[in-house]
Amino acid sequence: DAAPGADGVRRIVRGAGPDGLESLDELARAAAALPRVLFVGHAQAPAPAVLVATSEDSGLDAGAMLRAALAAHGGKGGGSPRLAQGRAADVDGVVALLLGDGGERGAA
């Protein structure tokens, strides 16, 4: 469990295994069903990619957040306010921007 940040939103970050982001899709959707959550999944293989999911009551827009973070790192992607994904060579930089508050990464 992730403790809420100063804004009351819990940030959950998970690295994907060799199957890539597909292995995190179900977890991301389940996390977004919880109150006040930002879920960030990341993968290096088979291609560098990021998955973002937000709960409706978090006040966060997953698609807008991810598009901005990807643009800052030369990546592309998008999605809805609740679920978005994209690719960028610098996944670590994208994740850092998404977390914004220096949140801890979860175990892969």
PDB file of N, CA and C in Angstrom:
ATOM      1  N   ASP A   1       0.831  -1.191   0.000  1.00  0.00           N
ATOM      2  CA  ASP A   1       0.000   0.000   0.000  1.00  0.00           C
ATOM      3  C   ASP A   1       0.870   1.248   0.000  1.00  0.00           C
ATOM      4  N   ALA A   2       0.453   2.211  -0.770  1.00  0.00           N
ATOM      5  CA  ALA A   2       1.166   3.483  -0.833  1.00  0.00           C
ATOM      6  C   ALA A   2       0.468   4.488   0.074  1.00  0.00           C
ATOM      7  N   ALA A   3       1.247   5.231   0.830  1.00  0.00           N
ATOM      8  CA  ALA A   3       0.675   6.276   1.676  1.00  0.00           C
ATOM      9  C   ALA A   3       0.298   7.465   0.809  1.00  0.00           C
ATOM     10  N   PRO A   4      -0.790   8.144   1.137  1.00  0.00           N
ATOM     11  CA  PRO A   4      -1.171   9.325   0.354  1.00  0.00           C
ATOM     12  C   PRO A   4      -0.117  10.424   0.458  1.00  0.00           C
ATOM     13  N   GLY A   5       0.050  11.177  -0.639  1.00  0.00           N
ATOM     14  CA  GLY A   5       0.940  12.331  -0.638  1.00  0.00           C
ATOM     15  C   GLY A   5       0.254  13.513   0.027  1.00  0.00           C
ATOM     16  N   ALA A   6       0.897  14.661   0.006  1.00  0.00           N
ATOM     17  CA  ALA A   6       0.347  15.865   0.610  1.00  0.00           C
ATOM     18  C   ALA A   6      -0.998  16.248  -0.008  1.00  0.00           C
ATOM     19  N   ASP A   7      -1.213  15.848  -1.264  1.00  0.00           N
ATOM     20  CA  ASP A   7      -2.465  16.157  -1.953  1.00  0.00           C
ATOM     21  C   ASP A   7      -3.548  15.108  -1.706  1.00  0.00           C
ATOM     22  N   GLY A   8      -3.242  14.088  -0.881  1.00  0.00           N
ATOM     23  CA  GLY A   8      -4.207  13.046  -0.568  1.00  0.00           C
ATOM     24  C   GLY A   8      -4.275  11.928  -1.586  1.00  0.00           C
ATOM     25  N   VAL A   9      -3.449  11.997  -2.643  1.00  0.00           N
ATOM     26  CA  VAL A   9      -3.460  10.977  -3.694  1.00  0.00           C
ATOM     27  C   VAL A   9      -2.362   9.949  -3.414  1.00  0.00           C
ATOM     28  N   ARG A  10      -2.732   8.665  -3.472  1.00  0.00           N
ATOM     29  CA  ARG A  10      -1.755   7.586  -3.331  1.00  0.00           C
ATOM     30  C   ARG A  10      -1.118   7.334  -4.683  1.00  0.00           C
ATOM     31  N   ARG A  11       0.208   7.289  -4.725  1.00  0.00           N
ATOM     32  CA  ARG A  11       0.952   7.039  -5.946  1.00  0.00           C
ATOM     33  C   ARG A  11       1.516   5.624  -5.891  1.00  0.00           C
ATOM     34  N   ILE A  12       1.073   4.812  -6.842  1.00  0.00           N
ATOM     35  CA  ILE A  12       1.503   3.419  -6.911  1.00  0.00           C
ATOM     36  C   ILE A  12       2.309   3.271  -8.197  1.00  0.00           C
ATOM     37  N   VAL A  13       3.536   2.802  -8.077  1.00  0.00           N
ATOM     38  CA  VAL A  13       4.418   2.678  -9.229  1.00  0.00           C
ATOM     39  C   VAL A  13       4.934   1.249  -9.298  1.00  0.00           C
ATOM     40  N   ARG A  14       4.810   0.650 -10.473  1.00  0.00           N
ATOM     41  CA  ARG A  14       5.251  -0.731 -10.655  1.00  0.00           C
ATOM     42  C   ARG A  14       5.997  -0.885 -11.973  1.00  0.00           C
ATOM     43  N   GLY A  15       7.051  -1.660 -11.929  1.00  0.00           N
ATOM     44  CA  GLY A  15       7.777  -2.013 -13.132  1.00  0.00           C
ATOM     45  C   GLY A  15       7.215  -3.303 -13.714  1.00  0.00           C
ATOM     46  N   ALA A  16       7.192  -3.383 -15.027  1.00  0.00           N
ATOM     47  CA  ALA A  16       6.680  -4.572 -15.712  1.00  0.00           C
ATOM     48  C   ALA A  16       7.793  -5.584 -15.918  1.00  0.00           C
ATOM     49  N   GLY A  17       7.399  -6.810 -16.072  1.00  0.00           N
ATOM     50  CA  GLY A  17       8.343  -7.879 -16.379  1.00  0.00           C
ATOM     51  C   GLY A  17       8.632  -7.917 -17.872  1.00  0.00           C
ATOM     52  N   PRO A  18       9.174  -9.016 -18.351  1.00  0.00           N
ATOM     53  CA  PRO A  18       9.555  -9.117 -19.763  1.00  0.00           C
ATOM     54  C   PRO A  18       8.366  -9.076 -20.732  1.00  0.00           C
ATOM     55  N   ASP A  19       7.159  -9.267 -20.239  1.00  0.00           N
ATOM     56  CA  ASP A  19       5.981  -9.204 -21.105  1.00  0.00           C
ATOM     57  C   ASP A  19       5.539  -7.772 -21.378  1.00  0.00           C
ATOM     58  N   GLY A  20       6.179  -6.802 -20.757  1.00  0.00           N
ATOM     59  CA  GLY A  20       5.846  -5.403 -20.991  1.00  0.00           C
ATOM     60  C   GLY A  20       4.609  -4.951 -20.234  1.00  0.00           C
ATOM     61  N   LEU A  21       4.030  -3.866 -20.712  1.00  0.00           N
ATOM     62  CA  LEU A  21       2.909  -3.243 -20.010  1.00  0.00           C
ATOM     63  C   LEU A  21       1.668  -4.114 -19.916  1.00  0.00           C
ATOM     64  N   GLU A  22       1.516  -5.061 -20.838  1.00  0.00           N
ATOM     65  CA  GLU A  22       0.340  -5.940 -20.783  1.00  0.00           C
ATOM     66  C   GLU A  22       0.217  -6.613 -19.428  1.00  0.00           C
ATOM     67  N   SER A  23       1.341  -6.918 -18.800  1.00  0.00           N
ATOM     68  CA  SER A  23       1.321  -7.594 -17.507  1.00  0.00           C
ATOM     69  C   SER A  23       0.798  -6.688 -16.392  1.00  0.00           C
ATOM     70  N   LEU A  24       0.726  -5.377 -16.637  1.00  0.00           N
ATOM     71  CA  LEU A  24       0.270  -4.429 -15.611  1.00  0.00           C
ATOM     72  C   LEU A  24      -1.130  -3.886 -15.856  1.00  0.00           C
ATOM     73  N   ASP A  25      -1.730  -4.203 -16.992  1.00  0.00           N
ATOM     74  CA  ASP A  25      -3.021  -3.618 -17.340  1.00  0.00           C
ATOM     75  C   ASP A  25      -4.098  -3.894 -16.300  1.00  0.00           C
ATOM     76  N   GLU A  26      -4.238  -5.139 -15.883  1.00  0.00           N
ATOM     77  CA  GLU A  26      -5.267  -5.491 -14.897  1.00  0.00           C
ATOM     78  C   GLU A  26      -5.006  -4.801 -13.564  1.00  0.00           C
ATOM     79  N   LEU A  27      -3.755  -4.754 -13.141  1.00  0.00           N
ATOM     80  CA  LEU A  27      -3.398  -4.086 -11.889  1.00  0.00           C
ATOM     81  C   LEU A  27      -3.706  -2.593 -11.964  1.00  0.00           C
ATOM     82  N   ALA A  28      -3.399  -1.972 -13.101  1.00  0.00           N
ATOM     83  CA  ALA A  28      -3.667  -0.541 -13.277  1.00  0.00           C
ATOM     84  C   ALA A  28      -5.160  -0.248 -13.168  1.00  0.00           C
ATOM     85  N   ARG A  29      -5.967  -1.060 -13.806  1.00  0.00           N
ATOM     86  CA  ARG A  29      -7.429  -0.870 -13.757  1.00  0.00           C
ATOM     87  C   ARG A  29      -7.970  -1.078 -12.346  1.00  0.00           C
ATOM     88  N   ALA A  30      -7.441  -2.067 -11.642  1.00  0.00           N
ATOM     89  CA  ALA A  30      -7.877  -2.314 -10.266  1.00  0.00           C
ATOM     90  C   ALA A  30      -7.468  -1.156  -9.354  1.00  0.00           C
ATOM     91  N   ALA A  31      -6.256  -0.644  -9.532  1.00  0.00           N
ATOM     92  CA  ALA A  31      -5.790   0.481  -8.718  1.00  0.00           C
ATOM     93  C   ALA A  31      -6.648   1.719  -8.956  1.00  0.00           C
ATOM     94  N   ALA A  32      -7.024   1.964 -10.207  1.00  0.00           N
ATOM     95  CA  ALA A  32      -7.832   3.141 -10.538  1.00  0.00           C
ATOM     96  C   ALA A  32      -9.238   3.054  -9.958  1.00  0.00           C
ATOM     97  N   ALA A  33      -9.666   1.870  -9.584  1.00  0.00           N
ATOM     98  CA  ALA A  33     -10.980   1.708  -8.962  1.00  0.00           C
ATOM     99  C   ALA A  33     -10.945   2.069  -7.477  1.00  0.00           C
ATOM    100  N   LEU A  34      -9.746   2.218  -6.920  1.00  0.00           N
ATOM    101  CA  LEU A  34      -9.595   2.600  -5.517  1.00  0.00           C
ATOM    102  C   LEU A  34      -9.724   4.115  -5.379  1.00  0.00           C
ATOM    103  N   PRO A  35     -10.011   4.601  -4.180  1.00  0.00           N
ATOM    104  CA  PRO A  35     -10.118   6.057  -4.004  1.00  0.00           C
ATOM    105  C   PRO A  35      -8.762   6.769  -4.098  1.00  0.00           C
ATOM    106  N   ARG A  36      -8.755   7.902  -4.783  1.00  0.00           N
ATOM    107  CA  ARG A  36      -7.635   8.845  -4.846  1.00  0.00           C
ATOM    108  C   ARG A  36      -6.300   8.164  -5.158  1.00  0.00           C
ATOM    109  N   VAL A  37      -6.203   7.605  -6.371  1.00  0.00           N
ATOM    110  CA  VAL A  37      -5.007   6.858  -6.774  1.00  0.00           C
ATOM    111  C   VAL A  37      -4.465   7.357  -8.105  1.00  0.00           C
ATOM    112  N   LEU A  38      -3.134   7.418  -8.180  1.00  0.00           N
ATOM    113  CA  LEU A  38      -2.388   7.573  -9.423  1.00  0.00           C
ATOM    114  C   LEU A  38      -1.523   6.329  -9.543  1.00  0.00           C
ATOM    115  N   PHE A  39      -1.740   5.543 -10.593  1.00  0.00           N
ATOM    116  CA  PHE A  39      -0.942   4.349 -10.850  1.00  0.00           C
ATOM    117  C   PHE A  39      -0.046   4.624 -12.044  1.00  0.00           C
ATOM    118  N   VAL A  40       1.248   4.326 -11.897  1.00  0.00           N
ATOM    119  CA  VAL A  40       2.199   4.479 -12.993  1.00  0.00           C
ATOM    120  C   VAL A  40       2.931   3.159 -13.168  1.00  0.00           C
ATOM    121  N   GLY A  41       2.744   2.547 -14.341  1.00  0.00           N
ATOM    122  CA  GLY A  41       3.460   1.332 -14.681  1.00  0.00           C
ATOM    123  C   GLY A  41       4.497   1.654 -15.744  1.00  0.00           C
ATOM    124  N   HIS A  42       5.629   0.986 -15.706  1.00  0.00           N
ATOM    125  CA  HIS A  42       6.685   1.272 -16.678  1.00  0.00           C
ATOM    126  C   HIS A  42       7.367  -0.016 -17.099  1.00  0.00           C
ATOM    127  N   ALA A  43       7.851  -0.023 -18.338  1.00  0.00           N
ATOM    128  CA  ALA A  43       8.530  -1.199 -18.887  1.00  0.00           C
ATOM    129  C   ALA A  43       9.708  -0.750 -19.736  1.00  0.00           C
ATOM    130  N   GLN A  44      10.752  -1.554 -19.740  1.00  0.00           N
ATOM    131  CA  GLN A  44      11.886  -1.327 -20.633  1.00  0.00           C
ATOM    132  C   GLN A  44      11.835  -2.287 -21.817  1.00  0.00           C
ATOM    133  N   ALA A  45      11.143  -3.416 -21.639  1.00  0.00           N
ATOM    134  CA  ALA A  45      11.054  -4.419 -22.696  1.00  0.00           C
ATOM    135  C   ALA A  45       9.598  -4.855 -22.840  1.00  0.00           C
ATOM    136  N   PRO A  46       9.142  -5.238 -23.971  1.00  0.00           N
ATOM    137  CA  PRO A  46       9.916  -5.313 -25.209  1.00  0.00           C
ATOM    138  C   PRO A  46      10.250  -3.944 -25.790  1.00  0.00           C
ATOM    139  N   ALA A  47       9.573  -2.879 -25.355  1.00  0.00           N
ATOM    140  CA  ALA A  47       9.904  -1.515 -25.775  1.00  0.00           C
ATOM    141  C   ALA A  47       9.681  -0.598 -24.575  1.00  0.00           C
ATOM    142  N   PRO A  48      10.469   0.481 -24.455  1.00  0.00           N
ATOM    143  CA  PRO A  48      10.280   1.410 -23.335  1.00  0.00           C
ATOM    144  C   PRO A  48       8.893   2.044 -23.393  1.00  0.00           C
ATOM    145  N   ALA A  49       8.102   1.854 -22.329  1.00  0.00           N
ATOM    146  CA  ALA A  49       6.724   2.326 -22.343  1.00  0.00           C
ATOM    147  C   ALA A  49       6.245   2.647 -20.931  1.00  0.00           C
ATOM    148  N   VAL A  50       5.165   3.449 -20.874  1.00  0.00           N
ATOM    149  CA  VAL A  50       4.584   3.874 -19.604  1.00  0.00           C
ATOM    150  C   VAL A  50       3.068   3.735 -19.688  1.00  0.00           C
ATOM    151  N   LEU A  51       2.466   3.301 -18.581  1.00  0.00           N
ATOM    152  CA  LEU A  51       1.025   3.165 -18.444  1.00  0.00           C
ATOM    153  C   LEU A  51       0.592   3.973 -17.236  1.00  0.00           C
ATOM    154  N   VAL A  52      -0.440   4.811 -17.387  1.00  0.00           N
ATOM    155  CA  VAL A  52      -0.928   5.642 -16.290  1.00  0.00           C
ATOM    156  C   VAL A  52      -2.423   5.397 -16.110  1.00  0.00           C
ATOM    157  N   ALA A  53      -2.832   5.220 -14.860  1.00  0.00           N
ATOM    158  CA  ALA A  53      -4.250   5.088 -14.539  1.00  0.00           C
ATOM    159  C   ALA A  53      -4.544   5.982 -13.332  1.00  0.00           C
ATOM    160  N   THR A  54      -5.693   6.633 -13.349  1.00  0.00           N
ATOM    161  CA  THR A  54      -6.083   7.503 -12.247  1.00  0.00           C
ATOM    162  C   THR A  54      -7.517   7.204 -11.838  1.00  0.00           C
ATOM    163  N   SER A  55      -7.783   7.324 -10.559  1.00  0.00           N
ATOM    164  CA  SER A  55      -9.153   7.174 -10.085  1.00  0.00           C
ATOM    165  C   SER A  55      -9.909   8.462 -10.395  1.00  0.00           C
ATOM    166  N   GLU A  56     -11.206   8.331 -10.571  1.00  0.00           N
ATOM    167  CA  GLU A  56     -12.017   9.491 -10.933  1.00  0.00           C
ATOM    168  C   GLU A  56     -11.949  10.589  -9.877  1.00  0.00           C
ATOM    169  N   ASP A  57     -11.861  10.212  -8.603  1.00  0.00           N
ATOM    170  CA  ASP A  57     -11.859  11.210  -7.529  1.00  0.00           C
ATOM    171  C   ASP A  57     -10.469  11.785  -7.231  1.00  0.00           C
ATOM    172  N   SER A  58      -9.455  11.388  -8.015  1.00  0.00           N
ATOM    173  CA  SER A  58      -8.093  11.890  -7.775  1.00  0.00           C
ATOM    174  C   SER A  58      -7.917  13.329  -8.254  1.00  0.00           C
ATOM    175  N   GLY A  59      -8.782  13.762  -9.168  1.00  0.00           N
ATOM    176  CA  GLY A  59      -8.623  15.092  -9.754  1.00  0.00           C
ATOM    177  C   GLY A  59      -7.531  15.134 -10.815  1.00  0.00           C
ATOM    178  N   LEU A  60      -7.026  13.964 -11.215  1.00  0.00           N
ATOM    179  CA  LEU A  60      -5.940  13.877 -12.191  1.00  0.00           C
ATOM    180  C   LEU A  60      -6.460  13.314 -13.503  1.00  0.00           C
ATOM    181  N   ASP A  61      -5.872  13.754 -14.611  1.00  0.00           N
ATOM    182  CA  ASP A  61      -6.234  13.303 -15.949  1.00  0.00           C
ATOM    183  C   ASP A  61      -5.056  12.501 -16.503  1.00  0.00           C
ATOM    184  N   ALA A  62      -5.201  11.186 -16.549  1.00  0.00           N
ATOM    185  CA  ALA A  62      -4.105  10.312 -16.973  1.00  0.00           C
ATOM    186  C   ALA A  62      -3.600  10.664 -18.366  1.00  0.00           C
ATOM    187  N   GLY A  63      -4.521  10.893 -19.312  1.00  0.00           N
ATOM    188  CA  GLY A  63      -4.123  11.196 -20.686  1.00  0.00           C
ATOM    189  C   GLY A  63      -3.338  12.485 -20.788  1.00  0.00           C
ATOM    190  N   ALA A  64      -3.829  13.538 -20.158  1.00  0.00           N
ATOM    191  CA  ALA A  64      -3.150  14.837 -20.211  1.00  0.00           C
ATOM    192  C   ALA A  64      -1.788  14.781 -19.518  1.00  0.00           C
ATOM    193  N   MET A  65      -1.743  14.113 -18.364  1.00  0.00           N
ATOM    194  CA  MET A  65      -0.476  14.003 -17.634  1.00  0.00           C
ATOM    195  C   MET A  65       0.573  13.272 -18.468  1.00  0.00           C
ATOM    196  N   LEU A  66       0.148  12.154 -19.056  1.00  0.00           N
ATOM    197  CA  LEU A  66       1.108  11.353 -19.806  1.00  0.00           C
ATOM    198  C   LEU A  66       1.558  12.065 -21.071  1.00  0.00           C
ATOM    199  N   ARG A  67       0.632  12.699 -21.788  1.00  0.00           N
ATOM    200  CA  ARG A  67       1.023  13.431 -23.004  1.00  0.00           C
ATOM    201  C   ARG A  67       2.068  14.496 -22.675  1.00  0.00           C
ATOM    202  N   ALA A  68       1.891  15.236 -21.590  1.00  0.00           N
ATOM    203  CA  ALA A  68       2.841  16.285 -21.208  1.00  0.00           C
ATOM    204  C   ALA A  68       4.205  15.688 -20.846  1.00  0.00           C
ATOM    205  N   ALA A  69       4.210  14.609 -20.067  1.00  0.00           N
ATOM    206  CA  ALA A  69       5.472  13.982 -19.667  1.00  0.00           C
ATOM    207  C   ALA A  69       6.191  13.377 -20.871  1.00  0.00           C
ATOM    208  N   LEU A  70       5.437  12.750 -21.766  1.00  0.00           N
ATOM    209  CA  LEU A  70       6.048  12.170 -22.962  1.00  0.00           C
ATOM    210  C   LEU A  70       6.605  13.250 -23.881  1.00  0.00           C
ATOM    211  N   ALA A  71       5.876  14.352 -24.040  1.00  0.00           N
ATOM    212  CA  ALA A  71       6.339  15.443 -24.900  1.00  0.00           C
ATOM    213  C   ALA A  71       7.674  15.995 -24.409  1.00  0.00           C
ATOM    214  N   ALA A  72       7.847  16.052 -23.102  1.00  0.00           N
ATOM    215  CA  ALA A  72       9.091  16.571 -22.524  1.00  0.00           C
ATOM    216  C   ALA A  72      10.271  15.629 -22.767  1.00  0.00           C
ATOM    217  N   HIS A  73       9.974  14.377 -23.138  1.00  0.00           N
ATOM    218  CA  HIS A  73      11.030  13.384 -23.355  1.00  0.00           C
ATOM    219  C   HIS A  73      10.986  12.779 -24.754  1.00  0.00           C
ATOM    220  N   GLY A  74      10.359  13.492 -25.686  1.00  0.00           N
ATOM    221  CA  GLY A  74      10.354  13.057 -27.075  1.00  0.00           C
ATOM    222  C   GLY A  74       9.542  11.807 -27.354  1.00  0.00           C
ATOM    223  N   GLY A  75       8.599  11.495 -26.467  1.00  0.00           N
ATOM    224  CA  GLY A  75       7.781  10.305 -26.657  1.00  0.00           C
ATOM    225  C   GLY A  75       6.415  10.642 -27.226  1.00  0.00           C
ATOM    226  N   LYS A  76       5.617   9.609 -27.433  1.00  0.00           N
ATOM    227  CA  LYS A  76       4.270   9.778 -27.961  1.00  0.00           C
ATOM    228  C   LYS A  76       3.325   8.837 -27.246  1.00  0.00           C
ATOM    229  N   GLY A  77       2.075   9.270 -27.145  1.00  0.00           N
ATOM    230  CA  GLY A  77       1.058   8.431 -26.535  1.00  0.00           C
ATOM    231  C   GLY A  77      -0.128   9.264 -26.126  1.00  0.00           C
ATOM    232  N   GLY A  78      -1.039   8.656 -25.420  1.00  0.00           N
ATOM    233  CA  GLY A  78      -2.216   9.356 -24.945  1.00  0.00           C
ATOM    234  C   GLY A  78      -3.235   8.372 -24.435  1.00  0.00           C
ATOM    235  N   GLY A  79      -4.431   8.874 -24.225  1.00  0.00           N
ATOM    236  CA  GLY A  79      -5.493   8.040 -23.705  1.00  0.00           C
ATOM    237  C   GLY A  79      -6.580   8.882 -23.084  1.00  0.00           C
ATOM    238  N   SER A  80      -7.338   8.266 -22.239  1.00  0.00           N
ATOM    239  CA  SER A  80      -8.474   8.920 -21.594  1.00  0.00           C
ATOM    240  C   SER A  80      -8.052   9.525 -20.255  1.00  0.00           C
ATOM    241  N   PRO A  81      -8.942  10.269 -19.619  1.00  0.00           N
ATOM    242  CA  PRO A  81      -8.619  10.797 -18.285  1.00  0.00           C
ATOM    243  C   PRO A  81      -8.351   9.705 -17.245  1.00  0.00           C
ATOM    244  N   ARG A  82      -8.835   8.489 -17.480  1.00  0.00           N
ATOM    245  CA  ARG A  82      -8.654   7.407 -16.516  1.00  0.00           C
ATOM    246  C   ARG A  82      -7.514   6.464 -16.859  1.00  0.00           C
ATOM    247  N   LEU A  83      -7.185   6.276 -18.152  1.00  0.00           N
ATOM    248  CA  LEU A  83      -6.166   5.311 -18.543  1.00  0.00           C
ATOM    249  C   LEU A  83      -5.444   5.792 -19.800  1.00  0.00           C
ATOM    250  N   ALA A  84      -4.101   5.766 -19.765  1.00  0.00           N
ATOM    251  CA  ALA A  84      -3.310   6.224 -20.913  1.00  0.00           C
ATOM    252  C   ALA A  84      -2.011   5.437 -20.971  1.00  0.00           C
ATOM    253  N   GLN A  85      -1.447   5.362 -22.173  1.00  0.00           N
ATOM    254  CA  GLN A  85      -0.144   4.724 -22.311  1.00  0.00           C
ATOM    255  C   GLN A  85       0.622   5.336 -23.466  1.00  0.00           C
ATOM    256  N   GLY A  86       1.947   5.173 -23.413  1.00  0.00           N
ATOM    257  CA  GLY A  86       2.778   5.717 -24.468  1.00  0.00           C
ATOM    258  C   GLY A  86       4.187   5.177 -24.383  1.00  0.00           C
ATOM    259  N   ARG A  87       5.007   5.639 -25.331  1.00  0.00           N
ATOM    260  CA  ARG A  87       6.388   5.164 -25.432  1.00  0.00           C
ATOM    261  C   ARG A  87       7.356   6.348 -25.438  1.00  0.00           C
ATOM    262  N   ALA A  88       8.487   6.127 -24.821  1.00  0.00           N
ATOM    263  CA  ALA A  88       9.571   7.113 -24.825  1.00  0.00           C
ATOM    264  C   ALA A  88      10.865   6.386 -24.508  1.00  0.00           C
ATOM    265  N   ALA A  89      11.955   6.856 -25.063  1.00  0.00           N
ATOM    266  CA  ALA A  89      13.250   6.234 -24.787  1.00  0.00           C
ATOM    267  C   ALA A  89      13.638   6.405 -23.325  1.00  0.00           C
ATOM    268  N   ASP A  90      13.293   7.553 -22.727  1.00  0.00           N
ATOM    269  CA  ASP A  90      13.664   7.851 -21.341  1.00  0.00           C
ATOM    270  C   ASP A  90      12.471   7.599 -20.408  1.00  0.00           C
ATOM    271  N   VAL A  91      12.163   6.347 -20.187  1.00  0.00           N
ATOM    272  CA  VAL A  91      11.027   5.990 -19.328  1.00  0.00           C
ATOM    273  C   VAL A  91      11.230   6.518 -17.920  1.00  0.00           C
ATOM    274  N   ASP A  92      12.448   6.445 -17.395  1.00  0.00           N
ATOM    275  CA  ASP A  92      12.690   6.927 -16.036  1.00  0.00           C
ATOM    276  C   ASP A  92      12.376   8.414 -15.906  1.00  0.00           C
ATOM    277  N   GLY A  93      12.732   9.202 -16.905  1.00  0.00           N
ATOM    278  CA  GLY A  93      12.423  10.624 -16.882  1.00  0.00           C
ATOM    279  C   GLY A  93      10.938  10.893 -16.942  1.00  0.00           C
ATOM    280  N   VAL A  94      10.222  10.115 -17.738  1.00  0.00           N
ATOM    281  CA  VAL A  94       8.767  10.254 -17.841  1.00  0.00           C
ATOM    282  C   VAL A  94       8.130   9.925 -16.499  1.00  0.00           C
ATOM    283  N   VAL A  95       8.549   8.829 -15.880  1.00  0.00           N
ATOM    284  CA  VAL A  95       7.998   8.431 -14.581  1.00  0.00           C
ATOM    285  C   VAL A  95       8.262   9.509 -13.537  1.00  0.00           C
ATOM    286  N   ALA A  96       9.469  10.056 -13.522  1.00  0.00           N
ATOM    287  CA  ALA A  96       9.803  11.106 -12.560  1.00  0.00           C
ATOM    288  C   ALA A  96       8.884  12.320 -12.722  1.00  0.00           C
ATOM    289  N   LEU A  97       8.619  12.718 -13.960  1.00  0.00           N
ATOM    290  CA  LEU A  97       7.707  13.841 -14.189  1.00  0.00           C
ATOM    291  C   LEU A  97       6.291  13.517 -13.735  1.00  0.00           C
ATOM    292  N   LEU A  98       5.843  12.305 -14.002  1.00  0.00           N
ATOM    293  CA  LEU A  98       4.491  11.909 -13.603  1.00  0.00           C
ATOM    294  C   LEU A  98       4.323  11.918 -12.091  1.00  0.00           C
ATOM    295  N   LEU A  99       5.336  11.483 -11.378  1.00  0.00           N
ATOM    296  CA  LEU A  99       5.238  11.443  -9.922  1.00  0.00           C
ATOM    297  C   LEU A  99       5.345  12.826  -9.311  1.00  0.00           C
ATOM    298  N   GLY A 100       6.127  13.666  -9.922  1.00  0.00           N
ATOM    299  CA  GLY A 100       6.204  15.062  -9.521  1.00  0.00           C
ATOM    300  C   GLY A 100       6.691  15.332  -8.111  1.00  0.00           C
ATOM    301  N   ASP A 101       6.443  14.428  -7.182  1.00  0.00           N
ATOM    302  CA  ASP A 101       6.820  14.703  -5.794  1.00  0.00           C
ATOM    303  C   ASP A 101       7.933  13.775  -5.317  1.00  0.00           C
ATOM    304  N   GLY A 102       8.596  13.102  -6.250  1.00  0.00           N
ATOM    305  CA  GLY A 102       9.699  12.232  -5.861  1.00  0.00           C
ATOM    306  C   GLY A 102       9.229  10.945  -5.208  1.00  0.00           C
ATOM    307  N   GLY A 103       8.018  10.486  -5.541  1.00  0.00           N
ATOM    308  CA  GLY A 103       7.462   9.267  -4.969  1.00  0.00           C
ATOM    309  C   GLY A 103       8.351   8.064  -5.215  1.00  0.00           C
ATOM    310  N   GLU A 104       8.235   7.086  -4.368  1.00  0.00           N
ATOM    311  CA  GLU A 104       9.056   5.891  -4.458  1.00  0.00           C
ATOM    312  C   GLU A 104       8.519   4.938  -5.507  1.00  0.00           C
ATOM    313  N   ARG A 105       9.402   4.253  -6.190  1.00  0.00           N
ATOM    314  CA  ARG A 105       8.999   3.221  -7.139  1.00  0.00           C
ATOM    315  C   ARG A 105       8.724   1.933  -6.395  1.00  0.00           C
ATOM    316  N   GLY A 106       7.730   1.220  -6.867  1.00  0.00           N
ATOM    317  CA  GLY A 106       7.415  -0.078  -6.288  1.00  0.00           C
ATOM    318  C   GLY A 106       8.281  -1.163  -6.895  1.00  0.00           C
ATOM    319  N   ALA A 107       8.190  -2.329  -6.341  1.00  0.00           N
ATOM    320  CA  ALA A 107       8.966  -3.465  -6.834  1.00  0.00           C
ATOM    321  C   ALA A 107       8.430  -3.897  -8.191  1.00  0.00           C
ATOM    322  N   ALA A 108       9.311  -4.420  -9.004  1.00  0.00           N
ATOM    323  CA  ALA A 108       8.911  -4.899 -10.339  1.00  0.00           C
ATOM    324  C   ALA A 108       8.102  -6.162 -10.219  1.00  0.00           C
TER     325      ALA A 108
END
